Amino acid sequence: MKSNRFNLWRSLCVFLILSYVSLFHQLGRQPMQSWDESSYALNAQEMIENGNPIEVYLLGSPDLYNSKPPFGLWCMALSMKTLGFNTWGARMASAIFGLLSALLLWIIGIKATKNYWTALTLPLVLLSSYGFIGWHTARTGDMDSILTFWILLQSALIFAYTNTDLPKKANTYLILAGLAIAFGCLTKGIAGITALPGIMAWLIYKRKLKAIFLSKGFYIALVSFLTLVIGYYWLRSNLTPGYWQAVLQNEIGGRFGRQDFLNKESLPFYFYFEYMITQDRFFVWIFLLPLSIVYILISKPSAKKSIGLFSIFVFASISILLALSKTKLEWYDAPLYPFMAIIIGISFCILIEQKTKISTLLFICAFSLPFYKVVSNNVSAPKGPAIGSFLRQIRSGAHKKDKIYIVNSNPDFSLFFYAKKDRLNGNDNTVVFPTDPMSNGSYIITNQNPRDIDVNNLYNLELVRTYKECKYYRILSKK
């Protein structure tokens, strides 16, 4: 018994160390990205300032472009209340939900294998998946890592439901699964139900579909879902004029139904899997995935095979819906990674059970290269907008108290993020258009060459400082 407990703690320590290195080390190193990440952070900060958790605001006005429900913003707002309005505060919620997904995979592995060490194969595949750990997912202030956890949790609960004969437990699993589906939808709208076709197919395969409709837990789950999700959409549409039309355009009809919304050309159905190879998003593992699927299908019946088969059902469901959607962005594949990790991890668990040493060595070799890529990317030199670093340089020197005009004419939300951060630190700045009136002796920051040309055409300027794409001027006179 003591030996078993000792193995648990040793295995947990390995899991936590690798999770920290993958998810949290240097989390705030990279600058805020210009689009979703920065706009979500602004949404969350304005939610804190307004004291309104229902309506979403951006730059002082209701945000109809971000028509998603706000669970992810609630998590981000809580994080920023704790850690401050900075990169760590904006990203911590995503990283924590990434950790929860990895932890759930480890628990699934333990349930399937009864071995704390071989169970690590499941989370370690996820923690070494650059597509999940990289940009726009578990290490940036976006919604995809949070959505991924809810999809994984709802699937795990349905699988548990199909493997119990105790009515009380079955009802509990269904109610919790309904809540997980609801929170997935409260995170990213319709994307929260992408696993449902695979889940339905699994229920038919297990001959549990009829029983689910005769279960009290199903109807409690349904009422909970409708109350939380439909209730939120109804409430916000009453508070924000035009909100429901924005939902129809951006979520239901926009992203799924027309590719010109974000993609300039139609992308092939295999787009995500091509990117997993060409952009190293699932490098090494992607080549083992088809072999793992076949190996699970031909293996002998067991608890491990059952969880592997279920994961294949859900993986197929999400993959098909992603392929059918006209809008394809590389990070939309985030919910696939835990299920691919289960499929590959379970196949290694079966192998390790048969040939322990050689299979363990094979897994370590397969894991090493993608994990190295994840770690090296986490500590790489900062890439992206330099405005945050530039403002810090200015405020740490002789220009600490300057009134600064930050010139912008595009929806560059990273610029607005760092401008707000500068103001929250007690400094004086205003984001302006190039044609807005600015007085002699004032200071200007530009961070785009076209804006640099604009202000030079309008004013005689003294260049004070420059850094990467950013320039700091003092206005001498108007031309």
Protein backbone atom coordinates (compact mmCIF):
# COMPACT_ATOMS: atom_id res chain seq x y z
CA MET A 1 0.00 0.00 0.00
CA LYS A 2 2.85 2.40 0.90
CA SER A 3 4.63 1.54 -2.34
CA ASN A 4 1.49 2.30 -4.33
CA ARG A 5 1.08 5.67 -2.60
CA PHE A 6 4.76 6.44 -3.18
CA ASN A 7 4.34 5.73 -6.91
CA LEU A 8 1.33 8.06 -6.98
CA TRP A 9 3.28 10.95 -5.49
CA ARG A 10 6.33 10.36 -7.69
CA SER A 11 4.15 10.19 -10.78
CA LEU A 12 2.27 13.33 -9.71
CA CYS A 13 5.56 15.20 -9.23
CA VAL A 14 6.69 14.26 -12.74
CA PHE A 15 3.31 15.37 -14.10
CA LEU A 16 3.41 18.73 -12.29
CA ILE A 17 7.01 19.51 -13.25
CA LEU A 18 6.42 18.79 -16.94
CA SER A 19 3.10 20.68 -16.82
CA TYR A 20 4.82 23.73 -15.34
CA VAL A 21 7.57 23.69 -17.96
CA SER A 22 5.06 23.25 -20.79
CA LEU A 23 2.25 25.56 -19.68
CA PHE A 24 3.49 28.15 -17.18
CA HIS A 25 7.23 28.75 -17.62
CA GLN A 26 7.79 32.23 -19.12
CA LEU A 27 4.03 32.58 -19.67
CA GLY A 28 4.24 36.37 -19.83
CA ARG A 29 7.36 36.52 -22.02
CA GLN A 30 5.71 37.10 -25.40
CA PRO A 31 3.89 40.40 -26.04
CA MET A 32 0.12 40.48 -26.31
CA GLN A 33 -1.09 39.50 -29.76
CA SER A 34 -2.86 42.15 -31.82
CA TRP A 35 -6.26 40.56 -32.31
CA ASP A 36 -8.27 38.17 -30.15
CA GLU A 37 -5.98 37.96 -27.15
CA SER A 38 -5.73 41.73 -26.66
CA SER A 39 -9.39 42.38 -27.40
CA TYR A 40 -10.47 39.69 -24.89
CA ALA A 41 -8.20 41.23 -22.25
CA LEU A 42 -9.79 44.63 -22.90
CA ASN A 43 -13.25 43.01 -22.70
CA ALA A 44 -12.37 41.48 -19.32
CA GLN A 45 -10.88 44.69 -17.92
CA GLU A 46 -13.92 46.73 -18.99
CA MET A 47 -16.13 44.05 -17.39
CA ILE A 48 -14.24 44.68 -14.13
CA GLU A 49 -14.54 48.45 -14.50
CA ASN A 50 -18.24 48.38 -15.44
CA GLY A 51 -19.19 45.81 -12.82
CA ASN A 52 -21.37 44.19 -15.49
CA PRO A 53 -20.73 40.44 -16.06
CA ILE A 54 -23.45 40.06 -18.72
CA GLU A 55 -22.75 42.69 -21.37
CA VAL A 56 -19.37 42.68 -23.09
CA TYR A 57 -17.75 46.03 -23.89
CA LEU A 58 -14.78 46.97 -26.05
CA LEU A 59 -13.27 50.47 -25.96
CA GLY A 60 -16.34 51.80 -24.17
CA SER A 61 -19.03 50.39 -26.47
CA PRO A 62 -20.97 47.07 -26.53
CA ASP A 63 -18.84 44.52 -28.40
CA LEU A 64 -21.00 42.89 -31.08
CA TYR A 65 -18.07 41.32 -32.91
CA ASN A 66 -17.30 39.17 -29.87
CA SER A 67 -20.77 37.66 -29.66
CA LYS A 68 -19.62 34.64 -27.63
CA PRO A 69 -21.00 34.19 -24.10
CA PRO A 70 -18.60 35.39 -21.42
CA PHE A 71 -17.49 32.41 -19.29
CA GLY A 72 -13.93 32.74 -20.60
CA LEU A 73 -14.00 36.48 -19.92
CA TRP A 74 -15.21 35.84 -16.38
CA CYS A 75 -12.20 33.57 -15.83
CA MET A 76 -9.87 36.14 -17.38
CA ALA A 77 -11.37 38.96 -15.30
CA LEU A 78 -10.88 36.93 -12.11
CA SER A 79 -7.29 36.24 -13.11
CA MET A 80 -6.61 39.92 -13.86
CA LYS A 81 -8.19 40.97 -10.57
CA THR A 82 -5.65 38.67 -8.90
CA LEU A 83 -2.54 39.17 -11.06
CA GLY A 84 -3.19 42.59 -12.60
CA PHE A 85 -3.81 43.90 -16.10
CA ASN A 86 -0.77 42.32 -17.74
CA THR A 87 0.24 39.33 -19.86
CA TRP A 88 0.21 36.95 -16.87
CA GLY A 89 -3.24 38.08 -15.82
CA ALA A 90 -4.60 37.77 -19.35
CA ARG A 91 -3.14 34.29 -19.93
CA MET A 92 -3.37 32.52 -16.59
CA ALA A 93 -6.95 31.26 -17.10
CA SER A 94 -6.05 29.57 -20.39
CA ALA A 95 -2.97 27.94 -18.85
CA ILE A 96 -4.94 26.68 -15.84
CA PHE A 97 -7.60 25.11 -18.05
CA GLY A 98 -4.80 23.56 -20.12
CA LEU A 99 -3.48 22.06 -16.88
CA LEU A 100 -6.98 20.80 -15.99
CA SER A 101 -7.23 19.07 -19.38
CA ALA A 102 -3.86 17.38 -18.84
CA LEU A 103 -4.84 16.38 -15.30
CA LEU A 104 -8.13 14.89 -16.54
CA LEU A 105 -6.19 12.87 -19.13
CA TRP A 106 -3.93 11.53 -16.38
CA ILE A 107 -6.97 10.52 -14.30
CA ILE A 108 -8.53 8.83 -17.35
CA GLY A 109 -5.24 6.98 -17.89
CA ILE A 110 -5.16 5.81 -14.26
CA LYS A 111 -8.78 4.58 -14.48
CA ALA A 112 -8.00 2.69 -17.68
CA THR A 113 -4.60 1.22 -16.77
CA LYS A 114 -4.53 1.10 -12.95
CA ASN A 115 -0.92 2.24 -13.27
CA TYR A 116 0.27 5.75 -12.32
CA TRP A 117 3.28 5.63 -14.62
CA THR A 118 1.81 4.31 -17.87
CA ALA A 119 -1.15 6.67 -17.34
CA LEU A 120 1.30 9.54 -17.87
CA THR A 121 1.48 8.74 -21.59
CA LEU A 122 -1.90 10.47 -22.13
CA PRO A 123 -1.13 13.90 -20.62
CA LEU A 124 2.45 13.87 -21.90
CA VAL A 125 1.23 13.64 -25.50
CA LEU A 126 -0.93 16.71 -24.86
CA LEU A 127 1.81 18.65 -23.05
CA SER A 128 4.18 18.08 -25.98
CA SER A 129 1.64 19.13 -28.63
CA TYR A 130 2.75 22.50 -29.99
CA GLY A 131 -0.70 23.08 -31.53
CA PHE A 132 -2.28 22.95 -28.09
CA ILE A 133 0.48 24.63 -26.08
CA GLY A 134 1.38 27.27 -28.65
CA TRP A 135 -0.22 30.40 -30.03
CA HIS A 136 -3.94 31.06 -29.48
CA THR A 137 -4.53 28.14 -27.13
CA ALA A 138 -3.16 27.21 -23.69
CA ARG A 139 -0.50 29.94 -23.40
CA THR A 140 -2.41 32.95 -24.71
CA GLY A 141 -5.45 34.83 -23.44
CA ASP A 142 -7.96 33.12 -25.71
CA MET A 143 -11.03 30.93 -25.23
CA ASP A 144 -9.89 27.73 -26.98
CA SER A 145 -8.10 26.08 -24.06
CA ILE A 146 -11.13 26.67 -21.83
CA LEU A 147 -13.49 25.30 -24.51
CA THR A 148 -11.25 22.24 -24.92
CA PHE A 149 -11.50 21.38 -21.24
CA TRP A 150 -15.32 21.51 -21.23
CA ILE A 151 -15.53 19.32 -24.35
CA LEU A 152 -13.13 16.80 -22.79
CA LEU A 153 -15.01 16.82 -19.48
CA GLN A 154 -18.46 16.36 -21.04
CA SER A 155 -17.10 13.45 -23.09
CA ALA A 156 -15.45 11.81 -20.06
CA LEU A 157 -18.70 12.08 -18.08
CA ILE A 158 -20.77 10.52 -20.87
CA PHE A 159 -18.24 7.70 -21.16
CA ALA A 160 -18.53 7.16 -17.39
CA TYR A 161 -22.34 7.12 -17.76
CA THR A 162 -22.17 4.34 -20.35
CA ASN A 163 -19.96 2.27 -18.04
CA THR A 164 -22.07 2.26 -14.91
CA ASP A 165 -25.14 0.21 -14.01
CA LEU A 166 -25.95 2.23 -10.88
CA PRO A 167 -28.94 4.54 -11.56
CA LYS A 168 -27.87 7.17 -9.01
CA LYS A 169 -24.35 7.40 -10.48
CA ALA A 170 -25.74 7.43 -14.02
CA ASN A 171 -28.00 10.39 -13.20
CA THR A 172 -25.11 12.25 -11.58
CA TYR A 173 -22.90 11.74 -14.64
CA LEU A 174 -25.65 12.99 -16.96
CA ILE A 175 -26.33 16.09 -14.89
CA LEU A 176 -22.63 16.95 -14.70
CA ALA A 177 -22.24 16.29 -18.45
CA GLY A 178 -25.14 18.67 -19.13
CA LEU A 179 -23.42 21.35 -17.06
CA ALA A 180 -20.12 20.75 -18.89
CA ILE A 181 -21.90 21.15 -22.25
CA ALA A 182 -23.55 24.32 -20.97
CA PHE A 183 -20.23 25.82 -19.82
CA GLY A 184 -18.65 24.85 -23.16
CA CYS A 185 -21.37 26.83 -24.93
CA LEU A 186 -21.02 29.69 -22.42
CA THR A 187 -17.34 29.78 -23.41
CA LYS A 188 -17.53 29.72 -27.21
CA GLY A 189 -21.13 29.37 -28.30
CA ILE A 190 -22.04 26.63 -30.75
CA ALA A 191 -18.49 25.23 -30.68
CA GLY A 192 -19.35 23.75 -27.29
CA ILE A 193 -21.49 21.01 -28.89
CA THR A 194 -19.07 19.76 -31.56
CA ALA A 195 -18.52 16.48 -29.66
CA LEU A 196 -22.24 15.67 -29.48
CA PRO A 197 -22.55 13.78 -32.83
CA GLY A 198 -19.73 11.45 -31.73
CA ILE A 199 -21.28 11.08 -28.29
CA MET A 200 -24.65 10.21 -29.85
CA ALA A 201 -22.97 7.66 -32.12
CA TRP A 202 -21.27 6.11 -29.07
CA LEU A 203 -24.58 5.91 -27.19
CA ILE A 204 -26.10 4.09 -30.17
CA TYR A 205 -23.07 1.79 -30.37
CA LYS A 206 -23.40 0.99 -26.65
CA ARG A 207 -27.19 0.67 -26.94
CA LYS A 208 -27.69 3.37 -24.33
CA LEU A 209 -29.54 5.95 -26.42
CA LYS A 210 -33.03 4.83 -25.42
CA ALA A 211 -32.07 4.55 -21.75
CA ILE A 212 -30.75 8.10 -21.69
CA PHE A 213 -34.17 9.48 -22.65
CA LEU A 214 -35.78 7.48 -19.85
CA SER A 215 -33.36 8.86 -17.27
CA LYS A 216 -34.29 11.61 -14.83
CA GLY A 217 -30.74 12.93 -15.03
CA PHE A 218 -31.11 13.67 -18.73
CA TYR A 219 -34.04 16.02 -18.17
CA ILE A 220 -32.34 17.77 -15.26
CA ALA A 221 -29.30 18.23 -17.52
CA LEU A 222 -31.48 19.53 -20.36
CA VAL A 223 -33.25 22.06 -18.13
CA SER A 224 -29.88 23.18 -16.70
CA PHE A 225 -28.49 23.65 -20.21
CA LEU A 226 -31.49 25.63 -21.44
CA THR A 227 -31.55 27.79 -18.32
CA LEU A 228 -27.86 28.67 -18.48
CA VAL A 229 -27.26 28.96 -22.23
CA ILE A 230 -30.56 30.07 -23.71
CA GLY A 231 -31.12 32.19 -20.60
CA TYR A 232 -27.83 34.01 -21.18
CA TYR A 233 -28.51 34.66 -24.88
CA TRP A 234 -32.00 35.93 -24.05
CA LEU A 235 -30.73 38.20 -21.28
CA ARG A 236 -27.92 39.71 -23.31
CA SER A 237 -30.12 40.22 -26.39
CA ASN A 238 -32.50 42.22 -24.17
CA LEU A 239 -29.66 44.31 -22.77
CA THR A 240 -27.70 44.83 -26.01
CA PRO A 241 -29.64 45.90 -29.13
CA GLY A 242 -28.50 43.95 -32.20
CA TYR A 243 -26.86 41.18 -30.17
CA TRP A 244 -28.97 38.31 -31.53
CA GLN A 245 -28.34 39.43 -35.11
CA ALA A 246 -24.61 39.45 -34.34
CA VAL A 247 -24.86 35.88 -33.01
CA LEU A 248 -26.60 34.73 -36.18
CA GLN A 249 -23.99 36.42 -38.36
CA ASN A 250 -20.80 35.59 -36.43
CA GLU A 251 -21.51 32.14 -34.99
CA ILE A 252 -24.33 30.24 -36.63
CA GLY A 253 -24.33 31.64 -40.14
CA GLY A 254 -20.93 33.27 -40.33
CA ARG A 255 -18.08 31.04 -39.24
CA PHE A 256 -19.71 27.76 -40.20
CA GLY A 257 -21.57 28.81 -43.31
CA ARG A 258 -19.31 31.13 -45.27
CA GLN A 259 -15.55 31.03 -45.75
CA ASP A 260 -15.08 34.67 -46.79
CA PHE A 261 -15.79 35.72 -43.20
CA LEU A 262 -12.14 35.14 -42.24
CA ASN A 263 -10.65 33.01 -45.03
CA LYS A 264 -9.93 34.62 -48.37
CA GLU A 265 -10.17 31.33 -50.21
CA SER A 266 -11.81 27.95 -49.68
CA LEU A 267 -9.57 25.60 -47.69
CA PRO A 268 -9.52 21.80 -48.12
CA PHE A 269 -11.15 19.41 -45.65
CA TYR A 270 -7.70 18.13 -44.55
CA PHE A 271 -6.48 21.66 -43.70
CA TYR A 272 -5.99 21.04 -39.96
CA PHE A 273 -4.10 17.76 -40.40
CA GLU A 274 -1.90 19.33 -43.06
CA TYR A 275 -1.02 22.10 -40.59
CA MET A 276 -0.27 19.55 -37.90
CA ILE A 277 2.53 18.34 -40.19
CA THR A 278 3.69 21.45 -42.04
CA GLN A 279 3.49 23.82 -39.05
CA ASP A 280 4.69 21.20 -36.51
CA ARG A 281 1.45 21.55 -34.56
CA PHE A 282 1.34 17.80 -33.85
CA PHE A 283 4.71 16.85 -35.24
CA VAL A 284 5.86 13.25 -34.62
CA TRP A 285 2.54 12.35 -32.97
CA ILE A 286 0.52 12.90 -36.16
CA PHE A 287 2.40 10.04 -37.84
CA LEU A 288 1.62 7.73 -34.92
CA LEU A 289 -2.07 8.68 -34.82
CA PRO A 290 -3.32 6.44 -37.68
CA LEU A 291 -1.19 3.55 -36.40
CA SER A 292 -2.66 4.05 -32.92
CA ILE A 293 -6.23 4.03 -34.26
CA VAL A 294 -5.63 0.76 -36.12
CA TYR A 295 -3.87 -0.77 -33.11
CA ILE A 296 -6.78 0.08 -30.80
CA LEU A 297 -9.29 -1.32 -33.28
CA ILE A 298 -7.50 -4.69 -33.54
CA SER A 299 -6.57 -5.02 -29.86
CA LYS A 300 -8.36 -7.36 -27.48
CA PRO A 301 -11.40 -6.06 -25.54
CA SER A 302 -10.39 -4.21 -22.36
CA ALA A 303 -11.06 -1.03 -20.41
CA LYS A 304 -8.19 0.58 -22.33
CA LYS A 305 -9.64 -0.36 -25.71
CA SER A 306 -13.06 0.96 -24.67
CA ILE A 307 -11.77 4.44 -23.80
CA GLY A 308 -9.68 4.41 -26.98
CA LEU A 309 -12.71 3.52 -29.12
CA PHE A 310 -14.82 6.22 -27.49
CA SER A 311 -12.10 8.80 -28.16
CA ILE A 312 -12.04 7.74 -31.83
CA PHE A 313 -15.80 8.42 -32.01
CA VAL A 314 -15.46 11.92 -30.54
CA PHE A 315 -12.30 12.67 -32.53
CA ALA A 316 -14.16 11.77 -35.75
CA SER A 317 -17.12 13.95 -34.77
CA ILE A 318 -15.06 17.08 -34.15
CA SER A 319 -12.87 16.45 -37.22
CA ILE A 320 -15.87 16.13 -39.54
CA LEU A 321 -17.50 19.31 -38.24
CA LEU A 322 -14.22 21.21 -38.58
CA ALA A 323 -13.88 19.92 -42.16
CA LEU A 324 -17.45 20.93 -43.03
CA SER A 325 -17.07 24.45 -41.65
CA LYS A 326 -16.29 27.04 -44.31
CA THR A 327 -14.20 29.13 -41.91
CA LYS A 328 -10.98 27.33 -40.99
CA LEU A 329 -8.45 28.90 -38.64
CA GLU A 330 -5.57 26.80 -37.37
CA TRP A 331 -6.44 27.08 -33.67
CA TYR A 332 -9.99 25.77 -34.20
CA ASP A 333 -8.47 22.29 -33.93
CA ALA A 334 -7.70 22.76 -30.19
CA PRO A 335 -10.45 20.36 -28.97
CA LEU A 336 -8.92 17.54 -31.06
CA TYR A 337 -5.66 17.37 -29.10
CA PRO A 338 -6.88 15.70 -25.88
CA PHE A 339 -8.66 12.98 -27.88
CA MET A 340 -5.65 12.40 -30.09
CA ALA A 341 -3.59 12.25 -26.89
CA ILE A 342 -5.93 9.59 -25.48
CA ILE A 343 -5.80 7.53 -28.68
CA ILE A 344 -2.00 7.63 -28.89
CA GLY A 345 -1.50 7.32 -25.12
CA ILE A 346 -3.85 4.35 -24.80
CA SER A 347 -2.16 2.55 -27.68
CA PHE A 348 1.19 2.99 -25.89
CA CYS A 349 -0.38 1.76 -22.64
CA ILE A 350 -1.44 -1.44 -24.39
CA LEU A 351 2.04 -1.79 -25.93
CA ILE A 352 3.81 -1.13 -22.63
CA GLU A 353 1.69 -3.79 -20.95
CA GLN A 354 2.96 -6.32 -23.51
CA LYS A 355 6.56 -5.14 -24.04
CA THR A 356 7.43 -2.80 -21.21
CA LYS A 357 11.03 -1.73 -21.82
CA ILE A 358 11.08 -1.28 -25.58
CA SER A 359 7.64 0.39 -25.66
CA THR A 360 8.58 2.78 -22.85
CA LEU A 361 11.79 3.69 -24.68
CA LEU A 362 9.84 4.23 -27.91
CA PHE A 363 7.41 6.58 -26.15
CA ILE A 364 10.23 8.59 -24.53
CA CYS A 365 11.91 9.01 -27.92
CA ALA A 366 8.64 10.09 -29.57
CA PHE A 367 7.92 12.52 -26.70
CA SER A 368 11.35 14.16 -26.51
CA LEU A 369 11.44 16.07 -29.80
CA PRO A 370 7.96 17.69 -29.67
CA PHE A 371 8.39 18.53 -25.98
CA TYR A 372 11.74 20.16 -26.76
CA LYS A 373 10.01 22.24 -29.44
CA VAL A 374 7.34 23.35 -26.97
CA VAL A 375 9.94 24.34 -24.36
CA SER A 376 12.19 26.15 -26.85
CA ASN A 377 9.20 28.08 -28.19
CA ASN A 378 8.23 29.10 -24.66
CA VAL A 379 11.65 30.67 -24.01
CA SER A 380 12.24 32.08 -27.51
CA ALA A 381 12.91 35.78 -28.06
CA PRO A 382 9.77 37.94 -27.89
CA LYS A 383 7.93 38.14 -31.20
CA GLY A 384 5.08 40.50 -32.00
CA PRO A 385 4.14 44.12 -31.25
CA ALA A 386 6.91 46.15 -29.60
CA ILE A 387 4.63 48.90 -28.25
CA GLY A 388 4.53 47.42 -24.73
CA SER A 389 8.31 47.24 -24.39
CA PHE A 390 8.66 50.71 -25.95
CA LEU A 391 6.25 52.30 -23.46
CA ARG A 392 8.13 50.67 -20.57
CA GLN A 393 11.42 52.11 -21.89
CA ILE A 394 9.93 55.59 -22.14
CA ARG A 395 8.30 55.50 -18.71
CA SER A 396 11.50 54.28 -17.03
CA GLY A 397 13.53 57.29 -18.22
CA ALA A 398 13.30 61.07 -18.43
CA HIS A 399 9.92 60.92 -20.19
CA LYS A 400 8.09 59.24 -17.32
CA LYS A 401 5.57 62.08 -16.91
CA ASP A 402 5.07 62.94 -20.60
CA LYS A 403 1.59 63.34 -22.00
CA ILE A 404 1.74 60.97 -24.99
CA TYR A 405 -0.45 60.69 -28.08
CA ILE A 406 -0.37 57.14 -29.43
CA VAL A 407 -1.24 57.31 -33.13
CA ASN A 408 -3.45 54.56 -34.54
CA SER A 409 -5.97 54.14 -37.35
CA ASN A 410 -6.43 50.35 -37.38
CA PRO A 411 -8.13 48.05 -34.85
CA ASP A 412 -4.74 47.14 -33.33
CA PHE A 413 -5.98 45.93 -29.96
CA SER A 414 -2.49 45.26 -28.59
CA LEU A 415 -1.86 49.01 -28.88
CA PHE A 416 -5.06 49.71 -26.93
CA PHE A 417 -4.07 47.04 -24.38
CA TYR A 418 -0.69 48.60 -23.65
CA ALA A 419 -2.12 52.14 -23.71
CA LYS A 420 -4.66 51.11 -21.06
CA LYS A 421 -1.96 49.35 -19.03
CA ASP A 422 0.10 52.57 -19.13
CA ARG A 423 -2.90 54.59 -17.90
CA LEU A 424 -3.66 52.10 -15.13
CA ASN A 425 -0.06 52.64 -13.99
CA GLY A 426 -0.91 56.31 -13.46
CA ASN A 427 0.52 57.70 -16.71
CA ASP A 428 -1.08 60.06 -19.23
CA ASN A 429 -1.73 58.93 -22.81
CA THR A 430 -4.45 59.13 -25.45
CA VAL A 431 -4.94 56.96 -28.52
CA VAL A 432 -5.67 59.23 -31.49
CA PHE A 433 -6.03 59.23 -35.26
CA PRO A 434 -3.27 60.97 -37.22
CA THR A 435 -5.66 63.80 -38.15
CA ASP A 436 -6.76 64.50 -34.55
CA PRO A 437 -5.47 67.86 -33.24
CA MET A 438 -2.20 67.65 -31.28
CA SER A 439 -0.43 70.67 -29.81
CA ASN A 440 3.17 71.82 -30.20
CA GLY A 441 5.49 70.33 -27.62
CA SER A 442 3.38 67.18 -27.31
CA TYR A 443 4.85 63.72 -27.73
CA ILE A 444 3.75 61.11 -30.30
CA ILE A 445 4.27 57.35 -30.58
CA THR A 446 3.81 55.61 -33.92
CA ASN A 447 4.09 51.85 -34.40
CA GLN A 448 3.24 51.51 -38.09
CA ASN A 449 5.09 52.92 -41.08
CA PRO A 450 1.94 54.39 -42.73
CA ARG A 451 1.12 56.28 -39.49
CA ASP A 452 4.73 57.45 -39.31
CA ILE A 453 4.37 58.91 -42.80
CA ASP A 454 1.02 60.50 -41.84
CA VAL A 455 2.35 62.44 -38.85
CA ASN A 456 5.51 63.51 -40.70
CA ASN A 457 3.31 64.95 -43.44
CA LEU A 458 1.30 66.92 -40.88
CA TYR A 459 3.97 68.10 -38.39
CA ASN A 460 7.59 69.12 -38.08
CA LEU A 461 8.90 66.51 -35.66
CA GLU A 462 11.95 65.85 -33.51
CA LEU A 463 12.81 62.13 -33.27
CA VAL A 464 13.46 61.36 -29.60
CA ARG A 465 13.71 57.58 -29.51
CA THR A 466 13.17 54.56 -31.75
CA TYR A 467 12.75 50.84 -31.05
CA LYS A 468 11.87 48.23 -33.67
CA GLU A 469 8.72 49.46 -35.45
CA CYS A 470 8.01 52.15 -32.84
CA LYS A 471 9.12 55.81 -32.93
CA TYR A 472 8.81 58.56 -30.33
CA TYR A 473 8.54 62.16 -31.54
CA ARG A 474 8.14 65.61 -30.08
CA ILE A 475 5.96 67.98 -32.11
CA LEU A 476 7.83 71.14 -33.07
CA SER A 477 5.17 72.79 -35.21
CA LYS A 478 2.30 72.09 -37.58
CA LYS A 479 3.14 72.15 -41.30
